[in-house]
Amino acid sequence: MMTKDSIEAAYCFFHQKWNVYSRSNIDRQRDEIEYAIDSYTQQMSRELYETIAQGQPDYLRAHAAFHDDLASAVDRLEAML
């Protein structure tokens, strides 16, 4: 179920991780953030994940697209607040 609380929680978590990820030059730190986000998406509301993924099957889970996916997830969640 997608609730206002679940949207706010996801936004806060993703926004915090984006602020670190986007400024980090440390590969290990960036990998750990990717892992944390992947774990979070596995546990979050399926409806919310599908809404922000907009049909992308590996959204926030593919290394090659992670930077752009995380930036767009923050924007999409912010628009839902």
PDB file of N, CA and C in Angstrom:
ATOM      1  N   MET A   1       0.836  -1.179   0.000  1.00  0.00           N
ATOM      2  CA  MET A   1       0.000   0.000   0.000  1.00  0.00           C
ATOM      3  C   MET A   1       0.886   1.249   0.000  1.00  0.00           C
ATOM      4  N   MET A   2       0.510   2.208  -0.782  1.00  0.00           N
ATOM      5  CA  MET A   2       1.263   3.450  -0.886  1.00  0.00           C
ATOM      6  C   MET A   2       0.572   4.503  -0.011  1.00  0.00           C
ATOM      7  N   THR A   3       1.270   4.928   1.035  1.00  0.00           N
ATOM      8  CA  THR A   3       0.723   5.932   1.943  1.00  0.00           C
ATOM      9  C   THR A   3       1.603   7.177   1.914  1.00  0.00           C
ATOM     10  N   LYS A   4       1.076   8.257   2.449  1.00  0.00           N
ATOM     11  CA  LYS A   4       1.861   9.491   2.544  1.00  0.00           C
ATOM     12  C   LYS A   4       3.121   9.241   3.369  1.00  0.00           C
ATOM     13  N   ASP A   5       2.995   8.455   4.437  1.00  0.00           N
ATOM     14  CA  ASP A   5       4.156   8.138   5.270  1.00  0.00           C
ATOM     15  C   ASP A   5       5.212   7.355   4.495  1.00  0.00           C
ATOM     16  N   SER A   6       4.771   6.401   3.670  1.00  0.00           N
ATOM     17  CA  SER A   6       5.747   5.612   2.905  1.00  0.00           C
ATOM     18  C   SER A   6       6.446   6.476   1.856  1.00  0.00           C
ATOM     19  N   ILE A   7       5.731   7.419   1.285  1.00  0.00           N
ATOM     20  CA  ILE A   7       6.332   8.342   0.316  1.00  0.00           C
ATOM     21  C   ILE A   7       7.350   9.235   1.019  1.00  0.00           C
ATOM     22  N   GLU A   8       6.970   9.778   2.173  1.00  0.00           N
ATOM     23  CA  GLU A   8       7.881  10.647   2.926  1.00  0.00           C
ATOM     24  C   GLU A   8       9.127   9.894   3.376  1.00  0.00           C
ATOM     25  N   ALA A   9       8.939   8.660   3.855  1.00  0.00           N
ATOM     26  CA  ALA A   9      10.081   7.865   4.315  1.00  0.00           C
ATOM     27  C   ALA A   9      11.034   7.566   3.159  1.00  0.00           C
ATOM     28  N   ALA A  10      10.485   7.167   2.023  1.00  0.00           N
ATOM     29  CA  ALA A  10      11.320   6.874   0.856  1.00  0.00           C
ATOM     30  C   ALA A  10      12.037   8.136   0.385  1.00  0.00           C
ATOM     31  N   TYR A  11      11.327   9.240   0.349  1.00  0.00           N
ATOM     32  CA  TYR A  11      11.943  10.500  -0.080  1.00  0.00           C
ATOM     33  C   TYR A  11      13.105  10.870   0.840  1.00  0.00           C
ATOM     34  N   CYS A  12      12.890  10.803   2.142  1.00  0.00           N
ATOM     35  CA  CYS A  12      13.953  11.164   3.095  1.00  0.00           C
ATOM     36  C   CYS A  12      15.176  10.267   2.916  1.00  0.00           C
ATOM     37  N   PHE A  13      14.941   8.962   2.799  1.00  0.00           N
ATOM     38  CA  PHE A  13      16.043   8.013   2.650  1.00  0.00           C
ATOM     39  C   PHE A  13      16.790   8.246   1.341  1.00  0.00           C
ATOM     40  N   PHE A  14      16.059   8.335   0.238  1.00  0.00           N
ATOM     41  CA  PHE A  14      16.693   8.515  -1.062  1.00  0.00           C
ATOM     42  C   PHE A  14      17.393   9.867  -1.153  1.00  0.00           C
ATOM     43  N   HIS A  15      16.767  10.906  -0.620  1.00  0.00           N
ATOM     44  CA  HIS A  15      17.359  12.249  -0.667  1.00  0.00           C
ATOM     45  C   HIS A  15      18.674  12.282   0.110  1.00  0.00           C
ATOM     46  N   GLN A  16      18.679  11.664   1.281  1.00  0.00           N
ATOM     47  CA  GLN A  16      19.903  11.613   2.088  1.00  0.00           C
ATOM     48  C   GLN A  16      21.004  10.875   1.330  1.00  0.00           C
ATOM     49  N   LYS A  17      20.662   9.725   0.765  1.00  0.00           N
ATOM     50  CA  LYS A  17      21.655   8.933   0.032  1.00  0.00           C
ATOM     51  C   LYS A  17      22.121   9.671  -1.225  1.00  0.00           C
ATOM     52  N   TRP A  18      21.214  10.368  -1.902  1.00  0.00           N
ATOM     53  CA  TRP A  18      21.586  11.126  -3.098  1.00  0.00           C
ATOM     54  C   TRP A  18      22.580  12.230  -2.756  1.00  0.00           C
ATOM     55  N   ASN A  19      22.357  12.912  -1.638  1.00  0.00           N
ATOM     56  CA  ASN A  19      23.262  13.997  -1.241  1.00  0.00           C
ATOM     57  C   ASN A  19      24.688  13.496  -1.037  1.00  0.00           C
ATOM     58  N   VAL A  20      24.839  12.312  -0.508  1.00  0.00           N
ATOM     59  CA  VAL A  20      26.172  11.738  -0.314  1.00  0.00           C
ATOM     60  C   VAL A  20      26.695  11.176  -1.639  1.00  0.00           C
ATOM     61  N   TYR A  21      25.878  10.363  -2.308  1.00  0.00           N
ATOM     62  CA  TYR A  21      26.295   9.688  -3.542  1.00  0.00           C
ATOM     63  C   TYR A  21      26.750  10.682  -4.609  1.00  0.00           C
ATOM     64  N   SER A  22      25.996  11.745  -4.783  1.00  0.00           N
ATOM     65  CA  SER A  22      26.292  12.694  -5.856  1.00  0.00           C
ATOM     66  C   SER A  22      27.576  13.482  -5.629  1.00  0.00           C
ATOM     67  N   ARG A  23      28.053  13.506  -4.391  1.00  0.00           N
ATOM     68  CA  ARG A  23      29.267  14.267  -4.075  1.00  0.00           C
ATOM     69  C   ARG A  23      30.484  13.374  -3.786  1.00  0.00           C
ATOM     70  N   SER A  24      30.237  12.088  -3.696  1.00  0.00           N
ATOM     71  CA  SER A  24      31.298  11.168  -3.292  1.00  0.00           C
ATOM     72  C   SER A  24      32.206  10.787  -4.460  1.00  0.00           C
ATOM     73  N   ASN A  25      33.495  10.699  -4.156  1.00  0.00           N
ATOM     74  CA  ASN A  25      34.482  10.196  -5.111  1.00  0.00           C
ATOM     75  C   ASN A  25      35.032   8.850  -4.659  1.00  0.00           C
ATOM     76  N   ILE A  26      34.439   8.300  -3.624  1.00  0.00           N
ATOM     77  CA  ILE A  26      34.919   7.049  -3.042  1.00  0.00           C
ATOM     78  C   ILE A  26      34.059   5.903  -3.578  1.00  0.00           C
ATOM     79  N   ASP A  27      34.663   5.039  -4.389  1.00  0.00           N
ATOM     80  CA  ASP A  27      33.917   3.952  -5.025  1.00  0.00           C
ATOM     81  C   ASP A  27      33.221   3.056  -4.015  1.00  0.00           C
ATOM     82  N   ARG A  28      33.896   2.718  -2.941  1.00  0.00           N
ATOM     83  CA  ARG A  28      33.299   1.830  -1.940  1.00  0.00           C
ATOM     84  C   ARG A  28      32.056   2.467  -1.316  1.00  0.00           C
ATOM     85  N   GLN A  29      32.138   3.748  -1.017  1.00  0.00           N
ATOM     86  CA  GLN A  29      30.995   4.450  -0.431  1.00  0.00           C
ATOM     87  C   GLN A  29      29.819   4.460  -1.417  1.00  0.00           C
ATOM     88  N   ARG A  30      30.100   4.709  -2.666  1.00  0.00           N
ATOM     89  CA  ARG A  30      29.044   4.720  -3.684  1.00  0.00           C
ATOM     90  C   ARG A  30      28.436   3.331  -3.848  1.00  0.00           C
ATOM     91  N   ASP A  31      29.266   2.284  -3.809  1.00  0.00           N
ATOM     92  CA  ASP A  31      28.761   0.910  -3.894  1.00  0.00           C
ATOM     93  C   ASP A  31      27.867   0.577  -2.703  1.00  0.00           C
ATOM     94  N   GLU A  32      28.259   1.025  -1.522  1.00  0.00           N
ATOM     95  CA  GLU A  32      27.454   0.771  -0.327  1.00  0.00           C
ATOM     96  C   GLU A  32      26.107   1.484  -0.408  1.00  0.00           C
ATOM     97  N   ILE A  33      26.085   2.656  -0.981  1.00  0.00           N
ATOM     98  CA  ILE A  33      24.819   3.373  -1.164  1.00  0.00           C
ATOM     99  C   ILE A  33      23.942   2.636  -2.175  1.00  0.00           C
ATOM    100  N   GLU A  34      24.530   2.150  -3.247  1.00  0.00           N
ATOM    101  CA  GLU A  34      23.765   1.363  -4.224  1.00  0.00           C
ATOM    102  C   GLU A  34      23.160   0.133  -3.555  1.00  0.00           C
ATOM    103  N   TYR A  35      23.939  -0.537  -2.722  1.00  0.00           N
ATOM    104  CA  TYR A  35      23.441  -1.718  -2.016  1.00  0.00           C
ATOM    105  C   TYR A  35      22.301  -1.342  -1.068  1.00  0.00           C
ATOM    106  N   ALA A  36      22.457  -0.243  -0.329  1.00  0.00           N
ATOM    107  CA  ALA A  36      21.426   0.198   0.617  1.00  0.00           C
ATOM    108  C   ALA A  36      20.128   0.548  -0.112  1.00  0.00           C
ATOM    109  N   ILE A  37      20.241   1.230  -1.227  1.00  0.00           N
ATOM    110  CA  ILE A  37      19.049   1.594  -2.002  1.00  0.00           C
ATOM    111  C   ILE A  37      18.389   0.342  -2.566  1.00  0.00           C
ATOM    112  N   ASP A  38      19.184  -0.584  -3.100  1.00  0.00           N
ATOM    113  CA  ASP A  38      18.629  -1.833  -3.621  1.00  0.00           C
ATOM    114  C   ASP A  38      17.881  -2.580  -2.520  1.00  0.00           C
ATOM    115  N   SER A  39      18.474  -2.684  -1.351  1.00  0.00           N
ATOM    116  CA  SER A  39      17.819  -3.358  -0.225  1.00  0.00           C
ATOM    117  C   SER A  39      16.522  -2.657   0.151  1.00  0.00           C
ATOM    118  N   TYR A  40      16.549  -1.341   0.164  1.00  0.00           N
ATOM    119  CA  TYR A  40      15.351  -0.570   0.508  1.00  0.00           C
ATOM    120  C   TYR A  40      14.240  -0.828  -0.507  1.00  0.00           C
ATOM    121  N   THR A  41      14.588  -0.851  -1.794  1.00  0.00           N
ATOM    122  CA  THR A  41      13.556  -1.060  -2.816  1.00  0.00           C
ATOM    123  C   THR A  41      12.946  -2.455  -2.730  1.00  0.00           C
ATOM    124  N   GLN A  42      13.702  -3.414  -2.216  1.00  0.00           N
ATOM    125  CA  GLN A  42      13.171  -4.769  -2.052  1.00  0.00           C
ATOM    126  C   GLN A  42      12.118  -4.827  -0.944  1.00  0.00           C
ATOM    127  N   GLN A  43      12.222  -3.916   0.028  1.00  0.00           N
ATOM    128  CA  GLN A  43      11.332  -3.929   1.192  1.00  0.00           C
ATOM    129  C   GLN A  43      10.213  -2.888   1.127  1.00  0.00           C
ATOM    130  N   MET A  44      10.346  -1.903   0.256  1.00  0.00           N
ATOM    131  CA  MET A  44       9.369  -0.813   0.225  1.00  0.00           C
ATOM    132  C   MET A  44       8.057  -1.263  -0.411  1.00  0.00           C
ATOM    133  N   SER A  45       7.054  -0.441  -0.285  1.00  0.00           N
ATOM    134  CA  SER A  45       5.754  -0.698  -0.901  1.00  0.00           C
ATOM    135  C   SER A  45       5.934  -1.001  -2.387  1.00  0.00           C
ATOM    136  N   ARG A  46       5.437  -2.140  -2.820  1.00  0.00           N
ATOM    137  CA  ARG A  46       5.550  -2.539  -4.229  1.00  0.00           C
ATOM    138  C   ARG A  46       4.867  -1.496  -5.117  1.00  0.00           C
ATOM    139  N   GLU A  47       3.721  -1.001  -4.673  1.00  0.00           N
ATOM    140  CA  GLU A  47       2.983   0.003  -5.439  1.00  0.00           C
ATOM    141  C   GLU A  47       3.804   1.290  -5.599  1.00  0.00           C
ATOM    142  N   LEU A  48       4.453   1.709  -4.532  1.00  0.00           N
ATOM    143  CA  LEU A  48       5.277   2.914  -4.595  1.00  0.00           C
ATOM    144  C   LEU A  48       6.478   2.695  -5.515  1.00  0.00           C
ATOM    145  N   TYR A  49       7.131   1.544  -5.387  1.00  0.00           N
ATOM    146  CA  TYR A  49       8.273   1.250  -6.258  1.00  0.00           C
ATOM    147  C   TYR A  49       7.853   1.277  -7.726  1.00  0.00           C
ATOM    148  N   GLU A  50       6.757   0.621  -8.047  1.00  0.00           N
ATOM    149  CA  GLU A  50       6.298   0.574  -9.434  1.00  0.00           C
ATOM    150  C   GLU A  50       5.914   1.963  -9.946  1.00  0.00           C
ATOM    151  N   THR A  51       5.391   2.798  -9.059  1.00  0.00           N
ATOM    152  CA  THR A  51       5.021   4.160  -9.452  1.00  0.00           C
ATOM    153  C   THR A  51       6.254   4.981  -9.809  1.00  0.00           C
ATOM    154  N   ILE A  52       7.276   4.935  -8.960  1.00  0.00           N
ATOM    155  CA  ILE A  52       8.467   5.741  -9.260  1.00  0.00           C
ATOM    156  C   ILE A  52       9.311   5.116 -10.372  1.00  0.00           C
ATOM    157  N   ALA A  53       9.227   3.804 -10.538  1.00  0.00           N
ATOM    158  CA  ALA A  53       9.995   3.125 -11.594  1.00  0.00           C
ATOM    159  C   ALA A  53       9.430   3.413 -12.983  1.00  0.00           C
ATOM    160  N   GLN A  54       8.166   3.720 -13.051  1.00  0.00           N
ATOM    161  CA  GLN A  54       7.502   4.037 -14.322  1.00  0.00           C
ATOM    162  C   GLN A  54       7.805   3.014 -15.412  1.00  0.00           C
ATOM    163  N   GLY A  55       7.691   1.737 -15.052  1.00  0.00           N
ATOM    164  CA  GLY A  55       7.851   0.667 -16.026  1.00  0.00           C
ATOM    165  C   GLY A  55       9.271   0.191 -16.267  1.00  0.00           C
ATOM    166  N   GLN A  56      10.252   0.808 -15.624  1.00  0.00           N
ATOM    167  CA  GLN A  56      11.643   0.369 -15.788  1.00  0.00           C
ATOM    168  C   GLN A  56      11.884  -0.828 -14.862  1.00  0.00           C
ATOM    169  N   PRO A  57      12.150  -2.013 -15.416  1.00  0.00           N
ATOM    170  CA  PRO A  57      12.255  -3.224 -14.590  1.00  0.00           C
ATOM    171  C   PRO A  57      13.425  -3.243 -13.602  1.00  0.00           C
ATOM    172  N   ASP A  58      14.548  -2.632 -13.923  1.00  0.00           N
ATOM    173  CA  ASP A  58      15.713  -2.649 -13.029  1.00  0.00           C
ATOM    174  C   ASP A  58      15.971  -1.287 -12.404  1.00  0.00           C
ATOM    175  N   TYR A  59      14.926  -0.510 -12.243  1.00  0.00           N
ATOM    176  CA  TYR A  59      15.037   0.844 -11.709  1.00  0.00           C
ATOM    177  C   TYR A  59      15.687   0.819 -10.330  1.00  0.00           C
ATOM    178  N   LEU A  60      16.729   1.600 -10.164  1.00  0.00           N
ATOM    179  CA  LEU A  60      17.519   1.706  -8.929  1.00  0.00           C
ATOM    180  C   LEU A  60      18.280   0.428  -8.589  1.00  0.00           C
ATOM    181  N   ARG A  61      18.311  -0.531  -9.501  1.00  0.00           N
ATOM    182  CA  ARG A  61      18.963  -1.814  -9.221  1.00  0.00           C
ATOM    183  C   ARG A  61      20.068  -2.148 -10.219  1.00  0.00           C
ATOM    184  N   ALA A  62      20.257  -1.314 -11.226  1.00  0.00           N
ATOM    185  CA  ALA A  62      21.290  -1.555 -12.235  1.00  0.00           C
ATOM    186  C   ALA A  62      22.407  -0.525 -12.063  1.00  0.00           C
ATOM    187  N   HIS A  63      23.619  -1.012 -11.908  1.00  0.00           N
ATOM    188  CA  HIS A  63      24.764  -0.137 -11.650  1.00  0.00           C
ATOM    189  C   HIS A  63      24.922   0.947 -12.724  1.00  0.00           C
ATOM    190  N   ALA A  64      24.798   0.565 -13.970  1.00  0.00           N
ATOM    191  CA  ALA A  64      25.053   1.503 -15.067  1.00  0.00           C
ATOM    192  C   ALA A  64      24.104   2.702 -15.064  1.00  0.00           C
ATOM    193  N   ALA A  65      22.889   2.509 -14.593  1.00  0.00           N
ATOM    194  CA  ALA A  65      21.894   3.590 -14.613  1.00  0.00           C
ATOM    195  C   ALA A  65      21.626   4.170 -13.230  1.00  0.00           C
ATOM    196  N   PHE A  66      22.345   3.703 -12.221  1.00  0.00           N
ATOM    197  CA  PHE A  66      22.004   4.064 -10.846  1.00  0.00           C
ATOM    198  C   PHE A  66      22.030   5.570 -10.597  1.00  0.00           C
ATOM    199  N   HIS A  67      23.049   6.259 -11.050  1.00  0.00           N
ATOM    200  CA  HIS A  67      23.167   7.705 -10.819  1.00  0.00           C
ATOM    201  C   HIS A  67      21.915   8.438 -11.304  1.00  0.00           C
ATOM    202  N   ASP A  68      21.527   8.182 -12.540  1.00  0.00           N
ATOM    203  CA  ASP A  68      20.352   8.846 -13.110  1.00  0.00           C
ATOM    204  C   ASP A  68      19.064   8.379 -12.445  1.00  0.00           C
ATOM    205  N   ASP A  69      18.989   7.084 -12.126  1.00  0.00           N
ATOM    206  CA  ASP A  69      17.794   6.550 -11.468  1.00  0.00           C
ATOM    207  C   ASP A  69      17.585   7.182 -10.096  1.00  0.00           C
ATOM    208  N   LEU A  70      18.647   7.298  -9.323  1.00  0.00           N
ATOM    209  CA  LEU A  70      18.508   7.866  -7.984  1.00  0.00           C
ATOM    210  C   LEU A  70      18.102   9.334  -8.064  1.00  0.00           C
ATOM    211  N   ALA A  71      18.688  10.073  -8.977  1.00  0.00           N
ATOM    212  CA  ALA A  71      18.310  11.484  -9.148  1.00  0.00           C
ATOM    213  C   ALA A  71      16.837  11.606  -9.525  1.00  0.00           C
ATOM    214  N   SER A  72      16.386  10.756 -10.430  1.00  0.00           N
ATOM    215  CA  SER A  72      14.982  10.832 -10.849  1.00  0.00           C
ATOM    216  C   SER A  72      14.044  10.347  -9.750  1.00  0.00           C
ATOM    217  N   ALA A  73      14.470   9.369  -8.960  1.00  0.00           N
ATOM    218  CA  ALA A  73      13.631   8.889  -7.855  1.00  0.00           C
ATOM    219  C   ALA A  73      13.389  10.001  -6.843  1.00  0.00           C
ATOM    220  N   VAL A  74      14.429  10.747  -6.524  1.00  0.00           N
ATOM    221  CA  VAL A  74      14.285  11.867  -5.589  1.00  0.00           C
ATOM    222  C   VAL A  74      13.307  12.887  -6.164  1.00  0.00           C
ATOM    223  N   ASP A  75      13.445  13.208  -7.433  1.00  0.00           N
ATOM    224  CA  ASP A  75      12.542  14.173  -8.069  1.00  0.00           C
ATOM    225  C   ASP A  75      11.102  13.668  -8.096  1.00  0.00           C
ATOM    226  N   ARG A  76      10.915  12.406  -8.439  1.00  0.00           N
ATOM    227  CA  ARG A  76       9.562  11.844  -8.531  1.00  0.00           C
ATOM    228  C   ARG A  76       8.895  11.776  -7.161  1.00  0.00           C
ATOM    229  N   LEU A  77       9.659  11.378  -6.156  1.00  0.00           N
ATOM    230  CA  LEU A  77       9.100  11.318  -4.803  1.00  0.00           C
ATOM    231  C   LEU A  77       8.777  12.712  -4.279  1.00  0.00           C
ATOM    232  N   GLU A  78       9.649  13.663  -4.546  1.00  0.00           N
ATOM    233  CA  GLU A  78       9.399  15.037  -4.103  1.00  0.00           C
ATOM    234  C   GLU A  78       8.105  15.573  -4.719  1.00  0.00           C
ATOM    235  N   ALA A  79       7.858  15.239  -5.972  1.00  0.00           N
ATOM    236  CA  ALA A  79       6.639  15.685  -6.643  1.00  0.00           C
ATOM    237  C   ALA A  79       5.388  15.050  -6.036  1.00  0.00           C
ATOM    238  N   MET A  80       5.550  13.901  -5.394  1.00  0.00           N
ATOM    239  CA  MET A  80       4.417  13.202  -4.783  1.00  0.00           C
ATOM    240  C   MET A  80       4.094  13.707  -3.380  1.00  0.00           C
ATOM    241  N   LEU A  81       5.000  14.473  -2.792  1.00  0.00           N
ATOM    242  CA  LEU A  81       4.782  14.951  -1.417  1.00  0.00           C
ATOM    243  C   LEU A  81       3.674  15.989  -1.349  1.00  0.00           C
TER     244      LEU A  81
END
